[in-house]
């Protein structure tokens, strides 16, 4: 008798996709586990087999959204030959992220406002953000090592840059006509003027 195939990955994806449909339709607060169960076409027992709660599904969904947006474009960074080129590429990735995440950003704010700020909730954010911050930090560090950039606190500057684009994502959600490409271009050109050496 052949062993049963492992469908855990497919089931988790099915649940997450169904949850995102529900969250975007009804909002985080008003979505129930029954809604997700109905949308997924699975039994409630199957949902709870993979996820303990709506919170857990939401965190998994947002993590997948973020990973998919960034991972698809990280190879572009590897192709860039200089730190300056990589920084331009990174900012374009962030602009694309602003556009893609716009439909989910309201959910993030809703989830944040409803969370109890427990250690578990804080752990979610501390696990989600640092990997992307590290990518930007590495670009700044590379530029400093090669002499392209002036010496600076690469770690702190990376957080500032991420915060700027997080804010831009919020503005993009609230003001759809805002020209985020132009804003990003102005930002990176100004940043590079301060970073680049005279050589």
N, C-alpha and C. Protein backbone atom coordinates (compact mmCIF):
# COMPACT_ATOMS: atom_id res chain seq x y z
N UNK A 1 0.85 -1.20 0.00
CA UNK A 1 0.00 0.00 0.00
C UNK A 1 0.88 1.25 0.00
N UNK A 2 0.66 2.15 -0.92
CA UNK A 2 1.47 3.35 -1.04
C UNK A 2 1.19 4.29 0.13
N UNK A 3 2.24 4.98 0.62
CA UNK A 3 2.02 5.94 1.71
C UNK A 3 1.18 7.12 1.22
N UNK A 4 0.41 7.69 2.13
CA UNK A 4 -0.42 8.83 1.77
C UNK A 4 0.45 10.04 1.49
N UNK A 5 0.17 10.77 0.42
CA UNK A 5 1.00 11.94 0.10
C UNK A 5 0.86 13.02 1.17
N UNK A 6 1.95 13.75 1.37
CA UNK A 6 1.94 14.84 2.33
C UNK A 6 1.34 16.07 1.67
N UNK A 7 0.16 16.47 2.13
CA UNK A 7 -0.52 17.62 1.53
C UNK A 7 -0.53 18.82 2.48
N UNK A 8 0.32 18.77 3.51
CA UNK A 8 0.29 19.82 4.53
C UNK A 8 0.58 21.20 3.93
N UNK A 9 1.56 21.29 3.03
CA UNK A 9 1.89 22.57 2.43
C UNK A 9 0.71 23.10 1.62
N UNK A 10 0.12 22.22 0.82
CA UNK A 10 -1.03 22.63 0.00
C UNK A 10 -2.20 23.06 0.87
N UNK A 11 -2.44 22.34 1.97
CA UNK A 11 -3.55 22.68 2.85
C UNK A 11 -3.33 24.03 3.53
N UNK A 12 -2.11 24.26 4.00
CA UNK A 12 -1.80 25.53 4.64
C UNK A 12 -2.00 26.69 3.65
N UNK A 13 -1.53 26.48 2.42
CA UNK A 13 -1.70 27.51 1.39
C UNK A 13 -3.18 27.75 1.11
N UNK A 14 -3.94 26.68 1.04
CA UNK A 14 -5.38 26.78 0.79
C UNK A 14 -6.07 27.59 1.89
N UNK A 15 -5.69 27.33 3.13
CA UNK A 15 -6.28 28.05 4.27
C UNK A 15 -5.88 29.53 4.25
N UNK A 16 -4.60 29.78 3.99
CA UNK A 16 -4.10 31.16 3.97
C UNK A 16 -4.76 31.97 2.87
N UNK A 17 -4.88 31.38 1.68
CA UNK A 17 -5.51 32.09 0.56
C UNK A 17 -6.98 32.39 0.86
N UNK A 18 -7.66 31.43 1.47
CA UNK A 18 -9.07 31.64 1.84
C UNK A 18 -9.18 32.74 2.90
N UNK A 19 -8.24 32.72 3.86
CA UNK A 19 -8.27 33.72 4.93
C UNK A 19 -8.06 35.12 4.37
N UNK A 20 -7.13 35.28 3.42
CA UNK A 20 -6.88 36.59 2.84
C UNK A 20 -8.11 37.12 2.11
N UNK A 21 -8.83 36.23 1.45
CA UNK A 21 -10.08 36.64 0.79
C UNK A 21 -11.05 37.16 1.84
N UNK A 22 -11.18 36.44 2.94
CA UNK A 22 -12.11 36.85 4.00
C UNK A 22 -11.65 38.13 4.69
N UNK A 23 -10.37 38.23 4.99
CA UNK A 23 -9.85 39.43 5.66
C UNK A 23 -10.06 40.67 4.80
N UNK A 24 -9.80 40.54 3.50
CA UNK A 24 -9.96 41.69 2.61
C UNK A 24 -11.43 42.02 2.38
N UNK A 25 -12.30 41.04 2.51
CA UNK A 25 -13.73 41.27 2.30
C UNK A 25 -14.39 41.88 3.54
N UNK A 26 -14.05 41.36 4.72
CA UNK A 26 -14.76 41.75 5.94
C UNK A 26 -13.90 42.48 6.96
N UNK A 27 -12.59 42.52 6.72
CA UNK A 27 -11.69 43.10 7.72
C UNK A 27 -11.24 42.03 8.70
N UNK A 28 -10.16 42.35 9.42
CA UNK A 28 -9.62 41.36 10.37
C UNK A 28 -10.59 41.08 11.51
N UNK A 29 -11.13 42.13 12.13
CA UNK A 29 -11.96 41.97 13.31
C UNK A 29 -13.23 41.16 13.01
N UNK A 30 -13.86 41.44 11.88
CA UNK A 30 -15.16 40.84 11.59
C UNK A 30 -15.07 39.47 10.90
N UNK A 31 -13.88 39.07 10.52
CA UNK A 31 -13.71 37.73 9.95
C UNK A 31 -13.70 36.70 11.08
N UNK A 32 -14.41 35.61 10.88
CA UNK A 32 -14.46 34.54 11.87
C UNK A 32 -13.82 33.27 11.31
N UNK A 33 -13.55 32.34 12.19
CA UNK A 33 -13.03 31.05 11.75
C UNK A 33 -14.05 30.34 10.86
N UNK A 34 -15.33 30.55 11.12
CA UNK A 34 -16.38 29.96 10.28
C UNK A 34 -16.31 30.52 8.86
N UNK A 35 -16.02 31.82 8.75
CA UNK A 35 -15.87 32.43 7.42
C UNK A 35 -14.72 31.77 6.66
N UNK A 36 -13.60 31.61 7.34
CA UNK A 36 -12.41 31.02 6.69
C UNK A 36 -12.68 29.57 6.32
N UNK A 37 -13.38 28.85 7.20
CA UNK A 37 -13.73 27.46 6.93
C UNK A 37 -14.59 27.35 5.68
N UNK A 38 -15.61 28.20 5.60
CA UNK A 38 -16.52 28.17 4.44
C UNK A 38 -15.79 28.53 3.16
N UNK A 39 -14.93 29.55 3.21
CA UNK A 39 -14.22 30.00 2.02
C UNK A 39 -13.22 28.95 1.54
N UNK A 40 -12.59 28.25 2.48
CA UNK A 40 -11.56 27.26 2.13
C UNK A 40 -12.14 25.97 1.58
N UNK A 41 -13.39 25.66 1.97
CA UNK A 41 -13.98 24.39 1.56
C UNK A 41 -13.51 23.22 2.38
N UNK A 42 -12.76 23.48 3.45
CA UNK A 42 -12.27 22.43 4.33
C UNK A 42 -13.16 22.35 5.57
N UNK A 43 -12.96 21.32 6.36
CA UNK A 43 -13.70 21.20 7.62
C UNK A 43 -13.03 22.08 8.68
N UNK A 44 -13.80 22.43 9.69
CA UNK A 44 -13.25 23.24 10.77
C UNK A 44 -12.12 22.48 11.48
N UNK A 45 -12.27 21.17 11.57
CA UNK A 45 -11.21 20.35 12.18
C UNK A 45 -9.90 20.46 11.41
N UNK A 46 -10.01 20.51 10.09
CA UNK A 46 -8.80 20.65 9.26
C UNK A 46 -8.14 22.00 9.49
N UNK A 47 -8.95 23.06 9.61
CA UNK A 47 -8.41 24.40 9.86
C UNK A 47 -7.63 24.40 11.17
N UNK A 48 -8.25 23.86 12.21
CA UNK A 48 -7.61 23.88 13.52
C UNK A 48 -6.42 22.91 13.60
N UNK A 49 -6.35 21.96 12.70
CA UNK A 49 -5.20 21.05 12.68
C UNK A 49 -3.92 21.82 12.31
N UNK A 50 -4.09 22.82 11.44
CA UNK A 50 -2.94 23.58 10.96
C UNK A 50 -2.73 24.90 11.71
N UNK A 51 -3.81 25.48 12.19
CA UNK A 51 -3.72 26.78 12.88
C UNK A 51 -4.58 26.77 14.13
N UNK A 52 -4.04 27.31 15.21
CA UNK A 52 -4.75 27.31 16.49
C UNK A 52 -5.83 28.40 16.56
N UNK A 53 -5.64 29.49 15.80
CA UNK A 53 -6.55 30.62 15.94
C UNK A 53 -6.53 31.49 14.68
N UNK A 54 -7.46 32.42 14.64
CA UNK A 54 -7.51 33.41 13.55
C UNK A 54 -6.24 34.24 13.55
N UNK A 55 -5.75 34.61 14.73
CA UNK A 55 -4.51 35.39 14.84
C UNK A 55 -3.36 34.66 14.15
N UNK A 56 -3.27 33.36 14.41
CA UNK A 56 -2.18 32.58 13.85
C UNK A 56 -2.27 32.52 12.33
N UNK A 57 -3.49 32.39 11.83
CA UNK A 57 -3.68 32.38 10.37
C UNK A 57 -3.29 33.73 9.78
N UNK A 58 -3.69 34.80 10.45
CA UNK A 58 -3.38 36.14 9.95
C UNK A 58 -1.87 36.35 9.88
N UNK A 59 -1.17 35.99 10.92
CA UNK A 59 0.28 36.16 10.94
C UNK A 59 0.94 35.37 9.82
N UNK A 60 0.48 34.13 9.63
CA UNK A 60 1.03 33.30 8.55
C UNK A 60 0.74 33.92 7.19
N UNK A 61 -0.46 34.47 7.03
CA UNK A 61 -0.85 35.07 5.75
C UNK A 61 0.00 36.29 5.43
N UNK A 62 0.18 37.17 6.40
CA UNK A 62 0.96 38.38 6.17
C UNK A 62 2.43 38.02 5.91
N UNK A 63 2.93 37.02 6.63
CA UNK A 63 4.31 36.58 6.41
C UNK A 63 4.49 36.07 4.98
N UNK A 64 3.54 35.28 4.50
CA UNK A 64 3.61 34.75 3.14
C UNK A 64 3.54 35.87 2.11
N UNK A 65 2.64 36.83 2.33
CA UNK A 65 2.52 37.97 1.41
C UNK A 65 3.85 38.72 1.32
N UNK A 66 4.44 39.02 2.47
CA UNK A 66 5.71 39.76 2.50
C UNK A 66 6.83 38.97 1.83
N UNK A 67 6.91 37.69 2.13
CA UNK A 67 7.96 36.85 1.56
C UNK A 67 7.82 36.74 0.05
N UNK A 68 6.60 36.57 -0.43
CA UNK A 68 6.38 36.43 -1.87
C UNK A 68 6.76 37.70 -2.62
N UNK A 69 6.41 38.84 -2.04
CA UNK A 69 6.71 40.11 -2.70
C UNK A 69 8.22 40.33 -2.80
N UNK A 70 8.93 40.08 -1.72
CA UNK A 70 10.36 40.35 -1.67
C UNK A 70 11.18 39.25 -2.35
N UNK A 71 10.85 37.99 -2.06
CA UNK A 71 11.66 36.89 -2.58
C UNK A 71 11.70 36.84 -4.09
N UNK A 72 10.60 37.26 -4.74
CA UNK A 72 10.55 37.23 -6.19
C UNK A 72 11.57 38.19 -6.81
N UNK A 73 12.01 39.19 -6.05
CA UNK A 73 12.86 40.22 -6.62
C UNK A 73 14.27 40.29 -6.01
N UNK A 74 14.53 39.47 -5.00
CA UNK A 74 15.83 39.52 -4.34
C UNK A 74 16.96 39.17 -5.30
N UNK A 75 16.69 38.32 -6.29
CA UNK A 75 17.72 37.96 -7.26
C UNK A 75 18.20 39.17 -8.05
N UNK A 76 17.35 40.19 -8.15
CA UNK A 76 17.77 41.42 -8.83
C UNK A 76 18.91 42.09 -8.08
N UNK A 77 18.89 41.96 -6.75
CA UNK A 77 19.97 42.54 -5.95
C UNK A 77 21.29 41.83 -6.23
N UNK A 78 21.23 40.54 -6.39
CA UNK A 78 22.44 39.76 -6.64
C UNK A 78 23.07 40.12 -7.98
N UNK A 79 22.25 40.54 -8.92
CA UNK A 79 22.75 40.88 -10.25
C UNK A 79 23.41 42.25 -10.28
N UNK A 80 23.06 43.13 -9.34
CA UNK A 80 23.64 44.47 -9.31
C UNK A 80 25.11 44.39 -8.87
N UNK A 81 25.98 45.12 -9.53
CA UNK A 81 27.42 44.97 -9.30
C UNK A 81 27.97 45.89 -8.23
N UNK A 82 27.34 47.03 -7.99
CA UNK A 82 27.84 47.97 -6.99
C UNK A 82 26.81 48.18 -5.90
N UNK A 83 27.27 48.71 -4.78
CA UNK A 83 26.35 49.00 -3.67
C UNK A 83 25.34 50.05 -4.08
N UNK A 84 25.78 51.02 -4.88
CA UNK A 84 24.87 52.07 -5.36
C UNK A 84 23.76 51.46 -6.22
N UNK A 85 24.15 50.56 -7.12
CA UNK A 85 23.16 49.89 -7.97
C UNK A 85 22.22 49.03 -7.13
N UNK A 86 22.77 48.37 -6.12
CA UNK A 86 21.95 47.54 -5.25
C UNK A 86 20.96 48.39 -4.46
N UNK A 87 21.40 49.58 -4.05
CA UNK A 87 20.52 50.46 -3.29
C UNK A 87 19.36 50.94 -4.17
N UNK A 88 19.67 51.27 -5.43
CA UNK A 88 18.61 51.65 -6.36
C UNK A 88 17.62 50.48 -6.55
N UNK A 89 18.16 49.29 -6.68
CA UNK A 89 17.31 48.11 -6.85
C UNK A 89 16.46 47.87 -5.61
N UNK A 90 17.08 48.03 -4.44
CA UNK A 90 16.35 47.83 -3.19
C UNK A 90 15.19 48.81 -3.06
N UNK A 91 15.42 50.05 -3.46
CA UNK A 91 14.34 51.03 -3.36
C UNK A 91 13.21 50.72 -4.34
N UNK A 92 13.55 50.18 -5.51
CA UNK A 92 12.50 49.79 -6.45
C UNK A 92 11.69 48.62 -5.89
N UNK A 93 12.38 47.70 -5.22
CA UNK A 93 11.69 46.59 -4.58
C UNK A 93 10.73 47.12 -3.52
N UNK A 94 11.18 48.13 -2.78
CA UNK A 94 10.34 48.70 -1.73
C UNK A 94 9.13 49.43 -2.32
N UNK A 95 9.33 50.09 -3.46
CA UNK A 95 8.21 50.76 -4.13
C UNK A 95 7.20 49.72 -4.60
N UNK A 96 7.70 48.64 -5.19
CA UNK A 96 6.80 47.56 -5.62
C UNK A 96 6.07 46.98 -4.42
N UNK A 97 6.79 46.86 -3.31
CA UNK A 97 6.19 46.35 -2.07
C UNK A 97 5.06 47.28 -1.61
N UNK A 98 5.31 48.60 -1.70
CA UNK A 98 4.28 49.58 -1.31
C UNK A 98 3.01 49.36 -2.10
N UNK A 99 3.18 49.11 -3.41
CA UNK A 99 2.01 48.91 -4.26
C UNK A 99 1.29 47.60 -3.92
N UNK A 100 2.06 46.54 -3.76
CA UNK A 100 1.47 45.23 -3.54
C UNK A 100 0.83 45.10 -2.16
N UNK A 101 1.47 45.72 -1.16
CA UNK A 101 0.99 45.57 0.21
C UNK A 101 -0.17 46.51 0.51
N UNK A 102 -0.41 47.48 -0.40
CA UNK A 102 -1.44 48.49 -0.15
C UNK A 102 -2.79 47.86 0.18
N UNK A 103 -3.14 46.78 -0.52
CA UNK A 103 -4.43 46.14 -0.30
C UNK A 103 -4.50 45.44 1.05
N UNK A 104 -3.33 45.19 1.65
CA UNK A 104 -3.31 44.50 2.94
C UNK A 104 -2.91 45.40 4.10
N UNK A 105 -2.46 46.63 3.78
CA UNK A 105 -1.90 47.47 4.83
C UNK A 105 -2.94 47.85 5.88
N UNK A 106 -4.16 48.09 5.41
CA UNK A 106 -5.23 48.39 6.36
C UNK A 106 -5.44 47.25 7.34
N UNK A 107 -5.29 46.02 6.85
CA UNK A 107 -5.42 44.86 7.72
C UNK A 107 -4.31 44.83 8.76
N UNK A 108 -3.10 45.19 8.34
CA UNK A 108 -1.98 45.24 9.29
C UNK A 108 -2.25 46.24 10.40
N UNK A 109 -2.74 47.41 10.02
CA UNK A 109 -3.03 48.44 11.01
C UNK A 109 -4.17 47.99 11.93
N UNK A 110 -5.17 47.33 11.34
CA UNK A 110 -6.30 46.84 12.13
C UNK A 110 -5.83 45.78 13.12
N UNK A 111 -5.00 44.87 12.64
CA UNK A 111 -4.47 43.81 13.50
C UNK A 111 -3.65 44.41 14.63
N UNK A 112 -2.81 45.38 14.28
CA UNK A 112 -1.95 46.02 15.28
C UNK A 112 -2.78 46.73 16.34
N UNK A 113 -3.82 47.42 15.91
CA UNK A 113 -4.65 48.17 16.86
C UNK A 113 -5.45 47.25 17.77
N UNK A 114 -5.75 46.05 17.29
CA UNK A 114 -6.56 45.11 18.08
C UNK A 114 -5.71 44.17 18.94
N UNK A 115 -4.41 44.10 18.64
CA UNK A 115 -3.56 43.17 19.39
C UNK A 115 -3.38 43.65 20.83
N UNK A 116 -3.06 42.72 21.69
CA UNK A 116 -2.91 43.02 23.12
C UNK A 116 -1.49 43.40 23.49
N UNK A 117 -0.62 43.54 22.47
CA UNK A 117 0.78 43.90 22.68
C UNK A 117 1.48 42.92 23.64
N UNK A 118 1.12 41.66 23.55
CA UNK A 118 1.75 40.65 24.39
C UNK A 118 3.13 40.31 23.82
N UNK A 119 3.90 39.58 24.60
CA UNK A 119 5.23 39.17 24.13
C UNK A 119 5.11 38.38 22.83
N UNK A 120 4.06 37.56 22.72
CA UNK A 120 3.87 36.76 21.51
C UNK A 120 3.60 37.64 20.30
N UNK A 121 2.79 38.69 20.49
CA UNK A 121 2.50 39.60 19.38
C UNK A 121 3.76 40.35 18.97
N UNK A 122 4.54 40.78 19.94
CA UNK A 122 5.77 41.50 19.65
C UNK A 122 6.77 40.60 18.93
N UNK A 123 6.78 39.32 19.28
CA UNK A 123 7.69 38.38 18.65
C UNK A 123 7.40 38.27 17.16
N UNK A 124 6.12 38.35 16.79
CA UNK A 124 5.74 38.28 15.38
C UNK A 124 6.44 39.38 14.58
N UNK A 125 6.39 40.62 15.09
CA UNK A 125 7.00 41.73 14.38
C UNK A 125 8.52 41.63 14.39
N UNK A 126 9.10 41.17 15.51
CA UNK A 126 10.56 41.08 15.59
C UNK A 126 11.10 39.96 14.71
N UNK A 127 10.25 39.02 14.33
CA UNK A 127 10.67 37.96 13.42
C UNK A 127 10.43 38.33 11.97
N UNK A 128 9.41 39.16 11.73
CA UNK A 128 9.04 39.50 10.36
C UNK A 128 9.97 40.54 9.74
N UNK A 129 10.32 41.58 10.49
CA UNK A 129 11.03 42.73 9.92
C UNK A 129 12.55 42.60 9.79
N UNK A 130 13.26 42.08 10.81
CA UNK A 130 14.72 42.08 10.75
C UNK A 130 15.37 41.44 9.52
N UNK A 131 14.82 40.34 8.96
CA UNK A 131 15.49 39.78 7.77
C UNK A 131 15.59 40.76 6.61
N UNK A 132 14.56 41.59 6.43
CA UNK A 132 14.58 42.56 5.34
C UNK A 132 15.47 43.75 5.69
N UNK A 133 15.48 44.11 6.97
CA UNK A 133 16.36 45.18 7.41
C UNK A 133 17.82 44.78 7.22
N UNK A 134 18.10 43.51 7.44
CA UNK A 134 19.47 43.01 7.30
C UNK A 134 19.95 43.10 5.85
N UNK A 135 19.05 42.88 4.91
CA UNK A 135 19.41 43.00 3.49
C UNK A 135 19.88 44.41 3.18
N UNK A 136 19.13 45.40 3.68
CA UNK A 136 19.49 46.80 3.43
C UNK A 136 20.78 47.15 4.16
N UNK A 137 20.93 46.68 5.39
CA UNK A 137 22.15 46.93 6.16
C UNK A 137 23.37 46.42 5.41
N UNK A 138 23.25 45.24 4.83
CA UNK A 138 24.36 44.63 4.10
C UNK A 138 24.77 45.48 2.90
N UNK A 139 23.80 46.10 2.25
CA UNK A 139 24.11 46.98 1.11
C UNK A 139 24.92 48.18 1.57
N UNK A 140 24.48 48.80 2.66
CA UNK A 140 25.22 49.95 3.19
C UNK A 140 26.63 49.54 3.62
N UNK A 141 26.74 48.40 4.29
CA UNK A 141 28.05 47.92 4.75
C UNK A 141 28.98 47.64 3.58
N UNK A 142 28.42 47.07 2.52
CA UNK A 142 29.23 46.81 1.33
C UNK A 142 29.75 48.10 0.73
N UNK A 143 28.87 49.11 0.64
CA UNK A 143 29.28 50.40 0.09
C UNK A 143 30.37 51.06 0.91
N UNK A 144 30.29 50.92 2.22
CA UNK A 144 31.32 51.49 3.11
C UNK A 144 32.64 50.76 2.91
N UNK A 145 32.59 49.44 2.82
CA UNK A 145 33.81 48.64 2.66
C UNK A 145 34.50 48.89 1.32
N UNK A 146 33.70 49.11 0.27
CA UNK A 146 34.30 49.34 -1.05
C UNK A 146 34.70 50.80 -1.27
N UNK A 147 34.31 51.67 -0.34
CA UNK A 147 34.66 53.08 -0.47
C UNK A 147 33.63 53.89 -1.25
N UNK A 148 32.53 53.25 -1.66
CA UNK A 148 31.48 53.98 -2.36
C UNK A 148 30.76 54.95 -1.42
N UNK A 149 30.56 54.49 -0.17
CA UNK A 149 29.80 55.28 0.79
C UNK A 149 30.69 55.74 1.94
N UNK A 150 30.33 56.86 2.50
CA UNK A 150 31.00 57.35 3.70
C UNK A 150 30.67 56.43 4.88
N UNK A 151 31.54 56.44 5.87
CA UNK A 151 31.29 55.65 7.07
C UNK A 151 30.04 56.16 7.78
N UNK A 152 29.17 55.25 8.15
CA UNK A 152 27.94 55.61 8.84
C UNK A 152 27.44 54.41 9.62
N UNK A 153 26.42 54.58 10.42
CA UNK A 153 25.82 53.47 11.14
C UNK A 153 24.87 52.77 10.19
N UNK A 154 25.35 51.73 9.54
CA UNK A 154 24.57 51.04 8.50
C UNK A 154 23.29 50.45 9.06
N UNK A 155 23.37 49.90 10.25
CA UNK A 155 22.20 49.27 10.86
C UNK A 155 21.10 50.29 11.12
N UNK A 156 21.46 51.41 11.71
CA UNK A 156 20.47 52.45 12.01
C UNK A 156 19.89 53.05 10.73
N UNK A 157 20.74 53.28 9.73
CA UNK A 157 20.28 53.87 8.48
C UNK A 157 19.30 52.94 7.76
N UNK A 158 19.55 51.64 7.86
CA UNK A 158 18.64 50.67 7.23
C UNK A 158 17.25 50.74 7.86
N UNK A 159 17.20 50.88 9.20
CA UNK A 159 15.90 51.00 9.87
C UNK A 159 15.19 52.29 9.44
N UNK A 160 15.95 53.39 9.31
CA UNK A 160 15.37 54.66 8.87
C UNK A 160 14.77 54.50 7.47
N UNK A 161 15.51 53.85 6.59
CA UNK A 161 15.05 53.68 5.22
C UNK A 161 13.78 52.82 5.18
N UNK A 162 13.76 51.75 5.94
CA UNK A 162 12.57 50.89 5.98
C UNK A 162 11.36 51.65 6.54
N UNK A 163 11.61 52.45 7.57
CA UNK A 163 10.52 53.24 8.16
C UNK A 163 9.96 54.23 7.15
N UNK A 164 10.85 54.81 6.34
CA UNK A 164 10.40 55.77 5.32
C UNK A 164 9.46 55.10 4.32
N UNK A 165 9.81 53.90 3.89
CA UNK A 165 8.97 53.22 2.91
C UNK A 165 7.71 52.62 3.54
N UNK A 166 7.78 52.28 4.82
CA UNK A 166 6.55 51.87 5.53
C UNK A 166 5.56 53.04 5.53
N UNK A 167 6.09 54.23 5.82
CA UNK A 167 5.25 55.42 5.80
C UNK A 167 4.70 55.69 4.42
N UNK A 168 5.52 55.47 3.40
CA UNK A 168 5.09 55.68 2.02
C UNK A 168 3.98 54.70 1.65
N UNK A 169 4.08 53.49 2.18
CA UNK A 169 3.04 52.48 1.93
C UNK A 169 1.71 52.93 2.52
N UNK A 170 1.76 53.53 3.70
CA UNK A 170 0.54 54.05 4.33
C UNK A 170 -0.05 55.17 3.49
N UNK A 171 0.80 56.11 3.05
CA UNK A 171 0.33 57.22 2.23
C UNK A 171 -0.26 56.72 0.91
N UNK A 172 0.37 55.69 0.35
CA UNK A 172 -0.10 55.13 -0.91
C UNK A 172 -1.50 54.53 -0.75
N UNK A 173 -1.76 54.01 0.44
CA UNK A 173 -3.08 53.44 0.73
C UNK A 173 -4.12 54.54 0.89
N UNK A 174 -3.73 55.64 1.55
CA UNK A 174 -4.68 56.71 1.85
C UNK A 174 -4.84 57.70 0.69
N UNK A 175 -3.76 57.86 -0.09
CA UNK A 175 -3.78 58.82 -1.21
C UNK A 175 -3.36 58.07 -2.48
N UNK A 176 -4.29 57.39 -3.13
CA UNK A 176 -3.96 56.53 -4.28
C UNK A 176 -3.23 57.24 -5.42
N UNK A 177 -3.46 58.56 -5.56
CA UNK A 177 -2.84 59.29 -6.67
C UNK A 177 -1.42 59.76 -6.38
N UNK A 178 -0.92 59.48 -5.19
CA UNK A 178 0.42 59.92 -4.84
C UNK A 178 1.45 59.25 -5.75
N UNK A 179 2.45 60.00 -6.19
CA UNK A 179 3.46 59.48 -7.11
C UNK A 179 4.61 58.88 -6.30
N UNK A 180 4.48 57.61 -5.93
CA UNK A 180 5.49 57.00 -5.07
C UNK A 180 6.80 56.77 -5.80
N UNK A 181 6.76 56.65 -7.12
CA UNK A 181 8.01 56.50 -7.89
C UNK A 181 8.84 57.78 -7.80
N UNK A 182 8.18 58.92 -7.99
CA UNK A 182 8.89 60.20 -7.93
C UNK A 182 9.42 60.46 -6.52
N UNK A 183 8.60 60.16 -5.52
CA UNK A 183 9.01 60.36 -4.13
C UNK A 183 10.21 59.48 -3.81
N UNK A 184 10.15 58.23 -4.24
CA UNK A 184 11.25 57.31 -3.98
C UNK A 184 12.52 57.76 -4.67
N UNK A 185 12.39 58.22 -5.93
CA UNK A 185 13.56 58.68 -6.68
C UNK A 185 14.21 59.88 -6.00
N UNK A 186 13.39 60.81 -5.53
CA UNK A 186 13.92 61.98 -4.82
C UNK A 186 14.62 61.56 -3.53
N UNK A 187 14.01 60.63 -2.83
CA UNK A 187 14.57 60.15 -1.57
C UNK A 187 15.94 59.50 -1.78
N UNK A 188 16.02 58.58 -2.74
CA UNK A 188 17.27 57.84 -2.91
C UNK A 188 18.38 58.73 -3.47
N UNK A 189 18.02 59.68 -4.35
CA UNK A 189 19.04 60.59 -4.88
C UNK A 189 19.59 61.48 -3.77
N UNK A 190 18.72 61.95 -2.89
CA UNK A 190 19.16 62.78 -1.77
C UNK A 190 20.01 61.97 -0.79
N UNK A 191 19.58 60.75 -0.53
CA UNK A 191 20.34 59.88 0.37
C UNK A 191 21.73 59.60 -0.18
N UNK A 192 21.79 59.30 -1.46
CA UNK A 192 23.08 58.97 -2.07
C UNK A 192 24.03 60.17 -2.09
N UNK A 193 23.50 61.38 -2.25
CA UNK A 193 24.35 62.57 -2.21
C UNK A 193 25.06 62.70 -0.88
N UNK A 194 24.38 62.30 0.19
CA UNK A 194 24.99 62.36 1.50
C UNK A 194 25.90 61.18 1.79
N UNK A 195 25.64 60.06 1.11
CA UNK A 195 26.42 58.84 1.38
C UNK A 195 27.68 58.73 0.54
N UNK A 196 27.59 59.10 -0.73
CA UNK A 196 28.70 58.84 -1.64
C UNK A 196 29.92 59.70 -1.34
N UNK A 197 31.07 59.10 -1.49
CA UNK A 197 32.34 59.80 -1.27
C UNK A 197 32.63 60.67 -2.49
N UNK A 198 33.65 61.51 -2.37
CA UNK A 198 34.01 62.41 -3.47
C UNK A 198 34.82 61.73 -4.54
N UNK A 199 35.31 60.52 -4.22
CA UNK A 199 36.18 59.84 -5.19
C UNK A 199 35.38 59.32 -6.39
